[in-house]
Amino acid sequence: MIDGFWLVNAEATGGTAGGVVVFANGKVFGGDSGFYYLGTYQEKNGIVKARVAVHNFDPAIVNILSVAKDYELNVAATMKDETMTGTAVVPGVANQSIALRLTKKANL
């Protein structure tokens, strides 16, 4: 089951980043040192799709995509056991994607 506390590792052309995410009842809550994430998700047969709004709360921290301070992500990932791998893209922005790897650390 997806609901739980997950660690996030992200990689894009602008570098790497790490954060945390909680999946709970169709909602996503998370963040890192400069951004917080809020969104929704659906999971079916091990395929996870999410739409996540990313908001900057520390202007000194630059995101790994070098896009506007606040942006949306469409996420598609495959879940196997306690791991998810996939990609996140900014709708309407060509050639910008983030490779994601998430590791589940606790159930809710």
C-alpha atoms as a PDB file:
ATOM      1  CA  MET A   1       0.000   0.000   0.000  1.00  0.00           C
ATOM      2  CA  ILE A   2       1.256   3.476  -0.893  1.00  0.00           C
ATOM      3  CA  ASP A   3       0.000   5.409   2.142  1.00  0.00           C
ATOM      4  CA  GLY A   4       2.957   6.226   4.352  1.00  0.00           C
ATOM      5  CA  PHE A   5       6.113   8.273   4.865  1.00  0.00           C
ATOM      6  CA  TRP A   6       8.604   8.218   1.954  1.00  0.00           C
ATOM      7  CA  LEU A   7      12.103   9.586   1.295  1.00  0.00           C
ATOM      8  CA  VAL A   8      12.535  11.241  -2.120  1.00  0.00           C
ATOM      9  CA  ASN A   9      15.723  11.377  -4.208  1.00  0.00           C
ATOM     10  CA  ALA A  10      15.472  13.561  -7.314  1.00  0.00           C
ATOM     11  CA  GLU A  11      17.882  14.192 -10.172  1.00  0.00           C
ATOM     12  CA  ALA A  12      17.656  16.710 -13.029  1.00  0.00           C
ATOM     13  CA  THR A  13      20.048  18.662 -15.247  1.00  0.00           C
ATOM     14  CA  GLY A  14      20.343  21.292 -12.492  1.00  0.00           C
ATOM     15  CA  GLY A  15      21.554  18.813  -9.872  1.00  0.00           C
ATOM     16  CA  THR A  16      20.164  16.500  -7.238  1.00  0.00           C
ATOM     17  CA  ALA A  17      17.814  17.015  -4.316  1.00  0.00           C
ATOM     18  CA  GLY A  18      16.258  15.065  -1.500  1.00  0.00           C
ATOM     19  CA  GLY A  19      13.128  15.457   0.544  1.00  0.00           C
ATOM     20  CA  VAL A  20      10.246  13.676   2.210  1.00  0.00           C
ATOM     21  CA  VAL A  21       6.677  12.922   1.142  1.00  0.00           C
ATOM     22  CA  VAL A  22       3.616  11.587   2.925  1.00  0.00           C
ATOM     23  CA  PHE A  23       0.981   9.834   0.833  1.00  0.00           C
ATOM     24  CA  ALA A  24      -2.354   9.699   2.664  1.00  0.00           C
ATOM     25  CA  ASN A  25      -5.835   8.981   1.306  1.00  0.00           C
ATOM     26  CA  GLY A  26      -5.202  10.399  -2.162  1.00  0.00           C
ATOM     27  CA  LYS A  27      -3.217  13.422  -0.984  1.00  0.00           C
ATOM     28  CA  VAL A  28       0.499  14.257  -1.114  1.00  0.00           C
ATOM     29  CA  PHE A  29       2.290  16.359   1.535  1.00  0.00           C
ATOM     30  CA  GLY A  30       6.036  16.918   1.560  1.00  0.00           C
ATOM     31  CA  GLY A  31       9.036  19.155   1.354  1.00  0.00           C
ATOM     32  CA  ASP A  32      12.757  19.763   1.448  1.00  0.00           C
ATOM     33  CA  SER A  33      15.080  22.547   2.604  1.00  0.00           C
ATOM     34  CA  GLY A  34      13.547  25.225   0.355  1.00  0.00           C
ATOM     35  CA  PHE A  35      10.223  23.938  -0.985  1.00  0.00           C
ATOM     36  CA  TYR A  36       7.011  22.340   0.209  1.00  0.00           C
ATOM     37  CA  TYR A  37       4.830  20.054  -1.900  1.00  0.00           C
ATOM     38  CA  LEU A  38       1.039  19.645  -1.914  1.00  0.00           C
ATOM     39  CA  GLY A  39      -0.953  17.517  -4.315  1.00  0.00           C
ATOM     40  CA  THR A  40      -3.085  14.528  -5.113  1.00  0.00           C
ATOM     41  CA  TYR A  41      -2.326  11.015  -6.321  1.00  0.00           C
ATOM     42  CA  GLN A  42      -3.941   7.885  -7.678  1.00  0.00           C
ATOM     43  CA  GLU A  43      -2.482   4.378  -7.546  1.00  0.00           C
ATOM     44  CA  LYS A  44      -3.675   1.432  -9.610  1.00  0.00           C
ATOM     45  CA  ASN A  45      -1.875  -1.871 -10.092  1.00  0.00           C
ATOM     46  CA  GLY A  46       1.459  -0.456  -8.948  1.00  0.00           C
ATOM     47  CA  ILE A  47       1.309   2.631 -11.191  1.00  0.00           C
ATOM     48  CA  VAL A  48       1.234   5.950  -9.329  1.00  0.00           C
ATOM     49  CA  LYS A  49       0.155   9.211 -10.962  1.00  0.00           C
ATOM     50  CA  ALA A  50       0.286  12.481  -9.072  1.00  0.00           C
ATOM     51  CA  ARG A  51      -0.155  16.187  -9.649  1.00  0.00           C
ATOM     52  CA  VAL A  52       1.916  18.197  -7.200  1.00  0.00           C
ATOM     53  CA  ALA A  53       2.241  21.947  -6.620  1.00  0.00           C
ATOM     54  CA  VAL A  54       5.762  22.928  -5.537  1.00  0.00           C
ATOM     55  CA  HIS A  55       6.078  26.149  -3.519  1.00  0.00           C
ATOM     56  CA  ASN A  56       9.286  27.952  -2.580  1.00  0.00           C
ATOM     57  CA  PHE A  57       9.497  29.199   1.015  1.00  0.00           C
ATOM     58  CA  ASP A  58      13.235  30.034   1.087  1.00  0.00           C
ATOM     59  CA  PRO A  59      14.324  32.268  -1.823  1.00  0.00           C
ATOM     60  CA  ALA A  60      17.979  31.388  -1.171  1.00  0.00           C
ATOM     61  CA  ILE A  61      17.295  27.799  -2.312  1.00  0.00           C
ATOM     62  CA  VAL A  62      17.209  27.254  -6.104  1.00  0.00           C
ATOM     63  CA  ASN A  63      15.242  24.329  -7.539  1.00  0.00           C
ATOM     64  CA  ILE A  64      16.931  21.685  -9.688  1.00  0.00           C
ATOM     65  CA  LEU A  65      14.871  22.603 -12.775  1.00  0.00           C
ATOM     66  CA  SER A  66      15.735  26.305 -12.822  1.00  0.00           C
ATOM     67  CA  VAL A  67      12.063  27.185 -13.401  1.00  0.00           C
ATOM     68  CA  ALA A  68       9.868  29.716 -11.596  1.00  0.00           C
ATOM     69  CA  LYS A  69       9.814  29.710  -7.803  1.00  0.00           C
ATOM     70  CA  ASP A  70       6.422  27.977  -7.712  1.00  0.00           C
ATOM     71  CA  TYR A  71       5.462  25.341 -10.269  1.00  0.00           C
ATOM     72  CA  GLU A  72       3.398  22.207 -10.895  1.00  0.00           C
ATOM     73  CA  LEU A  73       4.669  18.686 -11.499  1.00  0.00           C
ATOM     74  CA  ASN A  74       2.992  15.728 -13.167  1.00  0.00           C
ATOM     75  CA  VAL A  75       4.460  12.561 -11.691  1.00  0.00           C
ATOM     76  CA  ALA A  76       4.330   9.013 -13.070  1.00  0.00           C
ATOM     77  CA  ALA A  77       6.006   6.208 -11.130  1.00  0.00           C
ATOM     78  CA  THR A  78       6.039   2.457 -10.755  1.00  0.00           C
ATOM     79  CA  MET A  79       5.809   1.033  -7.248  1.00  0.00           C
ATOM     80  CA  LYS A  80       7.441  -2.254  -6.294  1.00  0.00           C
ATOM     81  CA  ASP A  81       7.433  -3.284  -2.652  1.00  0.00           C
ATOM     82  CA  GLU A  82       8.833  -0.335  -0.678  1.00  0.00           C
ATOM     83  CA  THR A  83      10.303   1.551  -3.664  1.00  0.00           C
ATOM     84  CA  MET A  84       8.944   3.825  -6.397  1.00  0.00           C
ATOM     85  CA  THR A  85      10.817   4.965  -9.494  1.00  0.00           C
ATOM     86  CA  GLY A  86       9.588   7.367 -12.125  1.00  0.00           C
ATOM     87  CA  THR A  87       9.682  10.847 -13.595  1.00  0.00           C
ATOM     88  CA  ALA A  88       8.164  14.235 -12.913  1.00  0.00           C
ATOM     89  CA  VAL A  89       7.600  16.865 -15.604  1.00  0.00           C
ATOM     90  CA  VAL A  90       6.497  20.488 -15.560  1.00  0.00           C
ATOM     91  CA  PRO A  91       3.414  20.746 -17.798  1.00  0.00           C
ATOM     92  CA  GLY A  92       4.095  22.914 -20.838  1.00  0.00           C
ATOM     93  CA  VAL A  93       7.868  23.122 -20.283  1.00  0.00           C
ATOM     94  CA  ALA A  94       9.808  21.145 -22.886  1.00  0.00           C
ATOM     95  CA  ASN A  95      12.910  19.121 -22.002  1.00  0.00           C
ATOM     96  CA  GLN A  96      12.491  19.535 -18.240  1.00  0.00           C
ATOM     97  CA  SER A  97      12.121  16.349 -16.226  1.00  0.00           C
ATOM     98  CA  ILE A  98      13.146  14.971 -12.875  1.00  0.00           C
ATOM     99  CA  ALA A  99      14.153  11.350 -12.302  1.00  0.00           C
ATOM    100  CA  LEU A 100      12.626  10.172  -9.018  1.00  0.00           C
ATOM    101  CA  ARG A 101      13.350   7.372  -6.608  1.00  0.00           C
ATOM    102  CA  LEU A 102      11.245   7.085  -3.467  1.00  0.00           C
ATOM    103  CA  THR A 103      11.800   4.710  -0.567  1.00  0.00           C
ATOM    104  CA  LYS A 104       9.059   3.962   1.961  1.00  0.00           C
ATOM    105  CA  LYS A 105      10.157   4.341   5.573  1.00  0.00           C
ATOM    106  CA  ALA A 106       6.890   3.966   7.528  1.00  0.00           C
ATOM    107  CA  ASN A 107       3.241   3.044   7.133  1.00  0.00           C
ATOM    108  CA  LEU A 108       0.520   5.370   8.356  1.00  0.00           C
END
